[in-house]
N, C-alpha and C. Protein backbone atom coordinates (compact mmCIF):
# COMPACT_ATOMS: atom_id res chain seq x y z
N UNK A 1 71.63 9.85 23.29
CA UNK A 1 71.03 9.45 22.28
C UNK A 1 69.76 8.16 22.33
N UNK A 2 70.66 7.46 23.05
CA UNK A 2 70.21 5.93 23.57
C UNK A 2 68.77 6.31 24.10
N UNK A 3 68.32 7.30 24.78
CA UNK A 3 67.57 7.62 25.50
C UNK A 3 66.36 8.53 24.11
N UNK A 4 66.62 8.88 23.30
CA UNK A 4 65.93 9.44 21.88
C UNK A 4 65.48 8.36 21.15
N UNK A 5 66.82 6.88 20.92
CA UNK A 5 66.16 6.03 20.44
C UNK A 5 65.13 4.99 21.21
N UNK A 6 65.34 4.94 22.54
CA UNK A 6 64.68 4.49 23.52
C UNK A 6 63.28 4.91 23.37
N UNK A 7 62.89 6.16 23.79
CA UNK A 7 61.49 6.99 23.11
C UNK A 7 61.08 7.09 21.91
N UNK A 8 61.72 6.92 20.89
CA UNK A 8 61.02 6.78 19.59
C UNK A 8 60.83 5.47 19.88
N UNK A 9 61.53 4.29 19.69
CA UNK A 9 60.67 3.06 19.43
C UNK A 9 59.71 2.58 20.30
N UNK A 10 59.61 3.47 21.63
CA UNK A 10 58.90 3.17 22.68
C UNK A 10 57.45 3.57 21.89
N UNK A 11 57.48 4.83 21.64
CA UNK A 11 56.71 5.74 20.89
C UNK A 11 55.98 5.06 19.38
N UNK A 12 56.77 4.58 18.92
CA UNK A 12 56.36 3.37 17.79
C UNK A 12 55.82 2.65 17.77
N UNK A 13 55.82 1.63 19.02
CA UNK A 13 55.68 0.33 19.65
C UNK A 13 54.23 0.81 19.93
N UNK A 14 53.95 1.99 21.07
CA UNK A 14 52.66 2.22 21.11
C UNK A 14 51.68 2.54 20.28
N UNK A 15 51.90 3.56 19.33
CA UNK A 15 51.66 3.69 18.19
C UNK A 15 50.84 2.27 17.04
N UNK A 16 51.54 1.41 17.10
CA UNK A 16 51.44 0.22 16.64
C UNK A 16 50.57 -0.72 17.11
N UNK A 17 50.77 -0.55 18.63
CA UNK A 17 49.49 -1.60 19.34
C UNK A 17 48.55 -0.86 19.11
N UNK A 18 48.33 0.53 19.54
CA UNK A 18 47.28 1.00 19.42
C UNK A 18 46.35 0.52 17.92
N UNK A 19 46.92 1.10 17.26
CA UNK A 19 46.58 0.79 15.78
C UNK A 19 45.89 -1.09 15.56
N UNK A 20 47.06 -1.69 16.33
CA UNK A 20 46.20 -3.13 16.43
C UNK A 20 44.76 -3.40 17.29
N UNK A 21 45.06 -2.88 17.96
CA UNK A 21 43.92 -2.79 19.21
C UNK A 21 42.70 -1.94 18.70
N UNK A 22 43.11 -1.47 17.57
CA UNK A 22 41.74 -0.88 17.31
C UNK A 22 40.64 -1.39 16.62
N UNK A 23 39.18 -1.29 17.14
CA UNK A 23 38.25 -2.33 16.67
C UNK A 23 36.96 -1.91 15.68
N UNK A 24 36.52 -2.30 14.77
CA UNK A 24 35.54 -1.09 13.99
C UNK A 24 34.46 -2.75 13.75
N UNK A 25 33.43 -1.79 14.19
CA UNK A 25 32.18 -2.83 14.27
C UNK A 25 30.90 -1.74 13.75
N UNK A 26 30.81 -2.63 12.91
CA UNK A 26 29.44 -2.44 11.68
C UNK A 26 28.17 -2.63 12.19
N UNK A 27 27.36 -2.39 12.13
CA UNK A 27 25.71 -3.19 12.30
C UNK A 27 24.84 -2.51 11.28
N UNK A 28 24.18 -3.10 10.27
CA UNK A 28 23.18 -2.84 9.90
C UNK A 28 22.29 -3.91 9.82
N UNK A 29 21.21 -2.92 9.80
CA UNK A 29 19.48 -3.24 10.07
C UNK A 29 18.63 -3.14 9.13
N UNK A 30 18.00 -3.89 8.29
CA UNK A 30 17.20 -3.83 7.65
C UNK A 30 16.04 -4.44 8.05
N UNK A 31 15.13 -3.35 7.56
CA UNK A 31 13.17 -3.68 7.95
C UNK A 31 12.40 -3.80 6.31
N UNK A 32 12.22 -4.92 6.36
CA UNK A 32 11.33 -4.84 5.34
C UNK A 32 9.58 -5.30 5.28
N UNK A 33 9.02 -4.39 4.89
CA UNK A 33 7.45 -4.47 4.98
C UNK A 33 6.45 -4.83 4.08
N UNK A 34 5.60 -5.81 4.48
CA UNK A 34 4.85 -6.19 2.99
C UNK A 34 4.13 -5.06 2.79
N UNK A 35 3.26 -4.92 1.43
CA UNK A 35 2.38 -4.17 1.61
C UNK A 35 1.16 -4.43 1.97
N UNK A 36 0.26 -3.73 2.60
CA UNK A 36 -1.11 -3.69 3.25
C UNK A 36 -2.22 -4.08 2.39
N UNK A 37 -2.87 -5.37 2.11
CA UNK A 37 -3.86 -5.07 1.33
C UNK A 37 -5.08 -5.17 2.31
N UNK A 38 -5.64 -4.04 1.32
CA UNK A 38 -7.43 -3.48 1.75
C UNK A 38 -8.20 -4.12 1.21
N UNK A 39 -9.02 -5.11 1.91
CA UNK A 39 -10.05 -6.19 1.59
C UNK A 39 -11.29 -4.91 0.90
N UNK A 40 -11.58 -5.44 -0.27
CA UNK A 40 -12.28 -4.59 -0.86
C UNK A 40 -13.92 -4.78 -1.54
N UNK A 41 -14.73 -4.33 -0.62
CA UNK A 41 -16.27 -4.92 -0.53
C UNK A 41 -16.60 -5.27 -2.16
N UNK A 42 -17.51 -6.43 -1.92
CA UNK A 42 -17.66 -6.99 -3.42
C UNK A 42 -18.88 -5.68 -4.17
N UNK A 43 -19.02 -5.88 -5.27
CA UNK A 43 -19.26 -4.85 -6.06
C UNK A 43 -21.52 -5.40 -5.79
N UNK A 44 -22.13 -4.64 -5.71
CA UNK A 44 -23.83 -4.53 -5.04
C UNK A 44 -24.78 -4.05 -6.25
N UNK A 45 -25.39 -4.85 -6.79
CA UNK A 45 -26.43 -4.48 -7.42
C UNK A 45 -27.70 -4.36 -6.93
N UNK A 46 -28.11 -3.15 -7.10
CA UNK A 46 -30.18 -3.20 -6.62
C UNK A 46 -30.79 -2.95 -7.49
N UNK A 47 -31.56 -3.93 -7.99
CA UNK A 47 -32.73 -3.86 -9.12
C UNK A 47 -34.55 -4.26 -8.56
N UNK A 48 -35.08 -2.75 -9.16
CA UNK A 48 -36.38 -2.61 -8.99
C UNK A 48 -37.00 -2.77 -10.18
N UNK A 49 -37.84 -3.57 -10.15
CA UNK A 49 -38.81 -3.60 -11.38
C UNK A 49 -40.23 -3.49 -10.86
N UNK A 50 -41.04 -2.39 -11.80
CA UNK A 50 -42.51 -1.99 -11.56
C UNK A 50 -43.66 -2.44 -12.84
N UNK A 51 -44.77 -3.02 -12.38
CA UNK A 51 -45.19 -3.17 -13.87
C UNK A 51 -46.42 -2.34 -13.43
N UNK A 52 -47.25 -1.54 -14.13
CA UNK A 52 -48.33 -0.89 -14.20
C UNK A 52 -49.36 -1.12 -15.43
N UNK A 53 -50.41 -1.56 -15.05
CA UNK A 53 -51.44 -1.84 -16.36
C UNK A 53 -52.79 -0.82 -15.83
N UNK A 54 -52.92 -0.01 -17.08
CA UNK A 54 -53.90 0.92 -16.94
C UNK A 54 -54.53 1.41 -18.63
N UNK A 55 -55.88 0.89 -18.55
CA UNK A 55 -56.73 0.92 -19.59
C UNK A 55 -56.22 0.08 -21.00
N UNK A 56 -55.59 -0.83 -20.04
CA UNK A 56 -55.11 -1.95 -21.14
C UNK A 56 -53.61 -1.55 -21.55
N UNK A 57 -52.68 -0.53 -21.12
CA UNK A 57 -51.59 -0.25 -21.06
C UNK A 57 -50.71 -0.94 -20.29
N UNK A 58 -49.70 -1.86 -20.75
CA UNK A 58 -48.52 -2.22 -19.93
C UNK A 58 -47.27 -1.05 -19.83
N UNK A 59 -47.05 -0.85 -18.74
CA UNK A 59 -45.80 -0.06 -18.78
C UNK A 59 -44.96 -0.70 -17.60
N UNK A 60 -43.83 -1.54 -18.10
CA UNK A 60 -42.78 -1.61 -17.42
C UNK A 60 -41.37 -0.95 -16.87
N UNK A 61 -41.05 -0.89 -15.78
CA UNK A 61 -40.50 0.12 -15.57
C UNK A 61 -38.99 -0.58 -14.81
N UNK A 62 -38.40 -0.24 -15.01
CA UNK A 62 -36.67 -1.24 -14.56
C UNK A 62 -35.66 -0.20 -13.93
N UNK A 63 -35.35 -0.38 -12.65
CA UNK A 63 -34.21 0.86 -12.19
C UNK A 63 -33.07 -0.44 -11.60
N UNK A 64 -32.03 0.15 -12.26
CA UNK A 64 -30.95 -1.07 -11.90
C UNK A 64 -29.80 0.27 -11.22
N UNK A 65 -29.31 -0.27 -10.16
CA UNK A 65 -28.08 0.94 -9.19
C UNK A 65 -26.96 -0.46 -9.04
N UNK A 66 -25.78 -0.21 -9.69
CA UNK A 66 -24.83 -0.83 -9.36
C UNK A 66 -23.93 0.15 -9.01
N UNK A 67 -23.03 -0.39 -7.55
CA UNK A 67 -21.85 0.40 -6.68
C UNK A 67 -20.80 -0.27 -6.25
N UNK A 68 -20.03 0.12 -6.47
CA UNK A 68 -18.48 -0.87 -5.72
C UNK A 68 -17.31 -0.06 -5.80
N UNK A 69 -16.53 -0.21 -5.33
CA UNK A 69 -15.09 0.25 -4.74
C UNK A 69 -14.05 -0.52 -4.97
N UNK A 70 -13.29 0.11 -5.65
CA UNK A 70 -12.00 -0.14 -6.49
C UNK A 70 -10.53 0.21 -5.81
N UNK A 71 -9.67 -0.43 -5.67
CA UNK A 71 -8.00 0.16 -5.02
C UNK A 71 -7.12 -0.10 -5.99
N UNK A 72 -6.52 0.94 -6.16
CA UNK A 72 -5.10 1.34 -7.36
C UNK A 72 -4.28 0.38 -6.47
N UNK A 73 -2.86 0.30 -7.34
CA UNK A 73 -1.84 -0.33 -6.49
C UNK A 73 -1.48 0.50 -5.70
N UNK A 74 -1.53 1.82 -5.64
CA UNK A 74 -0.58 3.28 -4.90
C UNK A 74 -1.89 2.94 -3.66
N UNK A 75 -2.87 2.45 -3.31
CA UNK A 75 -4.13 2.53 -2.20
C UNK A 75 -5.19 3.18 -2.24
N UNK A 76 -5.14 4.25 -3.65
CA UNK A 76 -6.06 4.88 -3.47
C UNK A 76 -7.44 4.36 -4.22
N UNK A 77 -8.35 4.36 -3.12
CA UNK A 77 -9.45 3.92 -3.50
C UNK A 77 -10.52 4.91 -4.74
N UNK A 78 -11.73 4.09 -5.44
CA UNK A 78 -12.62 4.90 -6.18
C UNK A 78 -13.69 4.35 -5.90
N UNK A 79 -14.77 4.86 -5.88
CA UNK A 79 -15.79 4.06 -5.63
C UNK A 79 -17.12 4.80 -6.82
N UNK A 80 -17.54 3.69 -7.47
CA UNK A 80 -18.40 4.10 -8.55
C UNK A 80 -19.81 3.91 -8.25
N UNK A 81 -20.69 4.79 -8.92
CA UNK A 81 -21.97 4.32 -8.63
C UNK A 81 -22.88 4.71 -10.23
N UNK A 82 -23.57 3.61 -10.60
CA UNK A 82 -24.47 3.78 -11.61
C UNK A 82 -25.28 3.06 -11.86
N UNK A 83 -26.31 3.83 -12.23
CA UNK A 83 -27.78 3.99 -12.52
C UNK A 83 -28.24 3.45 -13.94
N UNK A 84 -29.09 2.46 -14.20
CA UNK A 84 -29.96 2.65 -15.74
C UNK A 84 -31.29 2.23 -15.26
N UNK A 85 -32.14 3.49 -15.87
CA UNK A 85 -33.32 3.11 -15.49
C UNK A 85 -33.65 2.81 -17.12
N UNK A 86 -34.94 1.79 -17.12
CA UNK A 86 -35.44 1.16 -18.30
C UNK A 86 -37.40 1.64 -18.57
N UNK A 87 -38.20 2.48 -19.49
CA UNK A 87 -38.94 1.93 -19.36
C UNK A 87 -39.77 1.66 -20.47
N UNK A 88 -40.64 0.88 -20.70
CA UNK A 88 -41.21 0.20 -21.68
C UNK A 88 -42.83 0.02 -21.91
N UNK A 89 -43.36 0.72 -22.87
CA UNK A 89 -44.59 0.88 -22.91
C UNK A 89 -45.20 -0.20 -23.86
N UNK A 90 -46.25 -1.05 -23.87
CA UNK A 90 -47.03 -1.90 -24.81
C UNK A 90 -48.73 -1.96 -25.08
């Protein structure tokens, strides 16, 4: 009976010691990235003026082209080009 008691006590002590000796280590790594800001080219406007005088009639012709690129908050780019032509005869 003493042997059983001694074996049970020894087993209980070993199990309790094993429980105390167990260590839990937890590591959390967090990586934060800043959004990439893409530089946008400035809007460009090109204007051409032409004046023609023929038999006393003056004709002014103006052509203006504007182009530029915009970037949405999601990184999508949109390129826009607008052309305006004006002709005046006097």
